[in-house]
Amino acid sequence: MSNDQLLIVALLGVTIVLFLWGRWRHDIVALGALLTSVFVGLVPAQQAFSSFSHPAVVTVASVLVLGYGLFRSGAVDIVAKHILPSSAGPTLNITILIFLAATLSGFMNNVGALALLMPIAIQLAAKTICHPDKC
């Protein structure tokens, strides 16, 4: 392996460890990995931020903002109360979420469907034994 390949593998390994460690926010770790790759010469500085204009990156960022807004507004609580029965077990709740995701994906972007259902799934997991931060 060349020196650049070794640096990439090492940087990727450190980044994954930092993601798993969870001490720092994921966006800070990712930005640090990008800046480190520019600093050591793996990525030219002129191209470091060129991918941020790609539609997929913009879509994912928008989905994260939309999901957080839905969660903070209380819309997730309203939807979860009407769609997911409180006495249902995890198997029924997962089945309902899968059906909703499949239905929404038929009419909209898959990432958009994910944005709408992710806060509901996180809230549902938090109310059950398997909290999303721990499982």
C-alpha atoms as a PDB file:
ATOM      1  CA  MET A   1       0.000   0.000   0.000  1.00  0.00           C
ATOM      2  CA  SER A   2       1.156   3.510  -0.730  1.00  0.00           C
ATOM      3  CA  ASN A   3       1.523   6.197   1.906  1.00  0.00           C
ATOM      4  CA  ASP A   4      -1.684   7.903   0.760  1.00  0.00           C
ATOM      5  CA  GLN A   5      -3.615   4.647   1.041  1.00  0.00           C
ATOM      6  CA  LEU A   6      -2.259   4.044   4.534  1.00  0.00           C
ATOM      7  CA  LEU A   7      -3.221   7.581   5.554  1.00  0.00           C
ATOM      8  CA  ILE A   8      -6.740   7.096   4.201  1.00  0.00           C
ATOM      9  CA  VAL A   9      -7.182   3.793   6.050  1.00  0.00           C
ATOM     10  CA  ALA A  10      -5.823   5.322   9.271  1.00  0.00           C
ATOM     11  CA  LEU A  11      -8.039   8.411   8.954  1.00  0.00           C
ATOM     12  CA  LEU A  12     -11.072   6.249   8.214  1.00  0.00           C
ATOM     13  CA  GLY A  13     -10.304   4.039  11.210  1.00  0.00           C
ATOM     14  CA  VAL A  14      -9.931   7.008  13.564  1.00  0.00           C
ATOM     15  CA  THR A  15     -13.129   8.547  12.200  1.00  0.00           C
ATOM     16  CA  ILE A  16     -15.103   5.335  12.737  1.00  0.00           C
ATOM     17  CA  VAL A  17     -13.748   4.998  16.280  1.00  0.00           C
ATOM     18  CA  LEU A  18     -14.759   8.596  17.043  1.00  0.00           C
ATOM     19  CA  PHE A  19     -18.237   7.987  15.597  1.00  0.00           C
ATOM     20  CA  LEU A  20     -18.663   4.903  17.765  1.00  0.00           C
ATOM     21  CA  TRP A  21     -17.217   6.575  20.848  1.00  0.00           C
ATOM     22  CA  GLY A  22     -19.960   9.189  20.678  1.00  0.00           C
ATOM     23  CA  ARG A  23     -18.191  11.831  22.750  1.00  0.00           C
ATOM     24  CA  TRP A  24     -18.300  14.411  19.954  1.00  0.00           C
ATOM     25  CA  ARG A  25     -21.132  15.210  17.580  1.00  0.00           C
ATOM     26  CA  HIS A  26     -21.040  13.353  14.275  1.00  0.00           C
ATOM     27  CA  ASP A  27     -20.881  16.517  12.197  1.00  0.00           C
ATOM     28  CA  ILE A  28     -17.827  17.740  14.119  1.00  0.00           C
ATOM     29  CA  VAL A  29     -16.068  14.391  13.630  1.00  0.00           C
ATOM     30  CA  ALA A  30     -16.885  14.377   9.903  1.00  0.00           C
ATOM     31  CA  LEU A  31     -15.703  17.958   9.453  1.00  0.00           C
ATOM     32  CA  GLY A  32     -12.518  17.139  11.356  1.00  0.00           C
ATOM     33  CA  ALA A  33     -11.890  14.151   9.080  1.00  0.00           C
ATOM     34  CA  LEU A  34     -12.411  16.318   6.002  1.00  0.00           C
ATOM     35  CA  LEU A  35     -10.098  19.054   7.262  1.00  0.00           C
ATOM     36  CA  THR A  36      -7.483  16.478   8.252  1.00  0.00           C
ATOM     37  CA  SER A  37      -7.604  14.933   4.778  1.00  0.00           C
ATOM     38  CA  VAL A  38      -7.040  18.392   3.275  1.00  0.00           C
ATOM     39  CA  PHE A  39      -4.257  19.212   5.760  1.00  0.00           C
ATOM     40  CA  VAL A  40      -2.290  16.022   5.010  1.00  0.00           C
ATOM     41  CA  GLY A  41      -2.782  16.449   1.260  1.00  0.00           C
ATOM     42  CA  LEU A  42      -5.182  13.594   0.534  1.00  0.00           C
ATOM     43  CA  VAL A  43      -7.827  15.940  -0.867  1.00  0.00           C
ATOM     44  CA  PRO A  44      -7.010  19.143  -2.765  1.00  0.00           C
ATOM     45  CA  ALA A  45      -8.260  22.219  -0.914  1.00  0.00           C
ATOM     46  CA  GLN A  46     -10.153  23.424  -3.997  1.00  0.00           C
ATOM     47  CA  GLN A  47     -12.226  20.219  -4.065  1.00  0.00           C
ATOM     48  CA  ALA A  48     -12.777  19.758  -0.337  1.00  0.00           C
ATOM     49  CA  PHE A  49     -16.242  21.299  -0.219  1.00  0.00           C
ATOM     50  CA  SER A  50     -17.306  20.781  -3.841  1.00  0.00           C
ATOM     51  CA  SER A  51     -19.510  17.771  -3.003  1.00  0.00           C
ATOM     52  CA  PHE A  52     -21.704  19.792  -0.654  1.00  0.00           C
ATOM     53  CA  SER A  53     -23.639  21.087  -3.658  1.00  0.00           C
ATOM     54  CA  HIS A  54     -24.617  17.555  -4.724  1.00  0.00           C
ATOM     55  CA  PRO A  55     -28.401  17.029  -4.557  1.00  0.00           C
ATOM     56  CA  ALA A  56     -28.066  13.991  -2.274  1.00  0.00           C
ATOM     57  CA  VAL A  57     -26.164  15.985   0.354  1.00  0.00           C
ATOM     58  CA  VAL A  58     -28.677  18.823   0.202  1.00  0.00           C
ATOM     59  CA  THR A  59     -31.557  16.325   0.479  1.00  0.00           C
ATOM     60  CA  VAL A  60     -30.093  14.571   3.512  1.00  0.00           C
ATOM     61  CA  ALA A  61     -29.369  17.889   5.246  1.00  0.00           C
ATOM     62  CA  SER A  62     -32.912  19.071   4.538  1.00  0.00           C
ATOM     63  CA  VAL A  63     -34.335  15.804   5.843  1.00  0.00           C
ATOM     64  CA  LEU A  64     -32.413  16.156   9.091  1.00  0.00           C
ATOM     65  CA  VAL A  65     -33.721  19.691   9.592  1.00  0.00           C
ATOM     66  CA  LEU A  66     -37.271  18.625   8.711  1.00  0.00           C
ATOM     67  CA  GLY A  67     -37.165  15.642  11.068  1.00  0.00           C
ATOM     68  CA  TYR A  68     -35.871  17.743  13.944  1.00  0.00           C
ATOM     69  CA  GLY A  69     -38.530  20.381  13.284  1.00  0.00           C
ATOM     70  CA  LEU A  70     -41.277  17.760  13.300  1.00  0.00           C
ATOM     71  CA  PHE A  71     -39.967  16.360  16.558  1.00  0.00           C
ATOM     72  CA  ARG A  72     -39.670  19.770  18.276  1.00  0.00           C
ATOM     73  CA  SER A  73     -43.096  20.951  17.072  1.00  0.00           C
ATOM     74  CA  GLY A  74     -44.909  18.028  18.649  1.00  0.00           C
ATOM     75  CA  ALA A  75     -46.222  16.754  15.326  1.00  0.00           C
ATOM     76  CA  VAL A  76     -44.487  13.449  15.964  1.00  0.00           C
ATOM     77  CA  ASP A  77     -46.461  12.969  19.184  1.00  0.00           C
ATOM     78  CA  ILE A  78     -49.757  13.592  17.429  1.00  0.00           C
ATOM     79  CA  VAL A  79     -48.986  11.219  14.574  1.00  0.00           C
ATOM     80  CA  ALA A  80     -47.613   8.537  16.877  1.00  0.00           C
ATOM     81  CA  LYS A  81     -50.729   8.640  19.082  1.00  0.00           C
ATOM     82  CA  HIS A  82     -53.078   8.242  16.119  1.00  0.00           C
ATOM     83  CA  ILE A  83     -51.135   5.695  14.095  1.00  0.00           C
ATOM     84  CA  LEU A  84     -49.353   3.483  16.594  1.00  0.00           C
ATOM     85  CA  PRO A  85     -51.490   1.810  19.248  1.00  0.00           C
ATOM     86  CA  SER A  86     -50.023   2.272  22.710  1.00  0.00           C
ATOM     87  CA  SER A  87     -50.810  -1.288  23.771  1.00  0.00           C
ATOM     88  CA  ALA A  88     -49.255  -2.901  20.700  1.00  0.00           C
ATOM     89  CA  GLY A  89     -46.070  -4.872  20.951  1.00  0.00           C
ATOM     90  CA  PRO A  90     -42.869  -4.089  19.090  1.00  0.00           C
ATOM     91  CA  THR A  91     -43.673  -6.505  16.252  1.00  0.00           C
ATOM     92  CA  LEU A  92     -46.953  -4.781  15.420  1.00  0.00           C
ATOM     93  CA  ASN A  93     -45.391  -1.318  15.705  1.00  0.00           C
ATOM     94  CA  ILE A  94     -42.535  -2.274  13.372  1.00  0.00           C
ATOM     95  CA  THR A  95     -45.035  -3.763  10.922  1.00  0.00           C
ATOM     96  CA  ILE A  96     -47.055  -0.535  10.945  1.00  0.00           C
ATOM     97  CA  LEU A  97     -43.911   1.561  10.409  1.00  0.00           C
ATOM     98  CA  ILE A  98     -42.840  -0.657   7.495  1.00  0.00           C
ATOM     99  CA  PHE A  99     -46.288  -0.357   5.907  1.00  0.00           C
ATOM    100  CA  LEU A 100     -46.235   3.426   6.334  1.00  0.00           C
ATOM    101  CA  ALA A 101     -42.732   3.671   4.866  1.00  0.00           C
ATOM    102  CA  ALA A 102     -43.712   1.552   1.867  1.00  0.00           C
ATOM    103  CA  THR A 103     -46.860   3.605   1.307  1.00  0.00           C
ATOM    104  CA  LEU A 104     -45.074   6.948   1.597  1.00  0.00           C
ATOM    105  CA  SER A 105     -42.227   5.774  -0.654  1.00  0.00           C
ATOM    106  CA  GLY A 106     -44.759   5.098  -3.383  1.00  0.00           C
ATOM    107  CA  PHE A 107     -45.636   8.787  -3.512  1.00  0.00           C
ATOM    108  CA  MET A 108     -42.477  10.598  -2.456  1.00  0.00           C
ATOM    109  CA  ASN A 109     -38.701  10.365  -2.233  1.00  0.00           C
ATOM    110  CA  ASN A 110     -37.446   7.554   0.022  1.00  0.00           C
ATOM    111  CA  VAL A 111     -35.342  10.019   2.000  1.00  0.00           C
ATOM    112  CA  GLY A 112     -38.418  12.185   2.566  1.00  0.00           C
ATOM    113  CA  ALA A 113     -40.348   9.181   3.845  1.00  0.00           C
ATOM    114  CA  LEU A 114     -37.447   8.439   6.155  1.00  0.00           C
ATOM    115  CA  ALA A 115     -37.530  12.018   7.432  1.00  0.00           C
ATOM    116  CA  LEU A 116     -41.186  11.720   8.322  1.00  0.00           C
ATOM    117  CA  LEU A 117     -40.945   8.336  10.014  1.00  0.00           C
ATOM    118  CA  MET A 118     -37.562   8.511  11.745  1.00  0.00           C
ATOM    119  CA  PRO A 119     -38.721  10.786  14.593  1.00  0.00           C
ATOM    120  CA  ILE A 120     -41.720   8.508  15.149  1.00  0.00           C
ATOM    121  CA  ALA A 121     -39.492   5.427  15.247  1.00  0.00           C
ATOM    122  CA  ILE A 122     -37.072   7.110  17.661  1.00  0.00           C
ATOM    123  CA  GLN A 123     -39.896   8.169  19.969  1.00  0.00           C
ATOM    124  CA  LEU A 124     -41.364   4.680  19.816  1.00  0.00           C
ATOM    125  CA  ALA A 125     -38.000   3.115  20.653  1.00  0.00           C
ATOM    126  CA  ALA A 126     -37.527   5.530  23.550  1.00  0.00           C
ATOM    127  CA  LYS A 127     -40.854   4.443  25.063  1.00  0.00           C
ATOM    128  CA  THR A 128     -39.962   0.760  24.850  1.00  0.00           C
ATOM    129  CA  ILE A 129     -37.138  -1.226  26.366  1.00  0.00           C
ATOM    130  CA  CYS A 130     -34.697  -0.484  23.546  1.00  0.00           C
ATOM    131  CA  HIS A 131     -33.804   3.211  23.790  1.00  0.00           C
ATOM    132  CA  PRO A 132     -32.295   4.430  20.460  1.00  0.00           C
ATOM    133  CA  ASP A 133     -29.106   5.694  22.133  1.00  0.00           C
ATOM    134  CA  LYS A 134     -28.418   2.376  23.847  1.00  0.00           C
ATOM    135  CA  CYS A 135     -29.307  -0.323  21.290  1.00  0.00           C
END
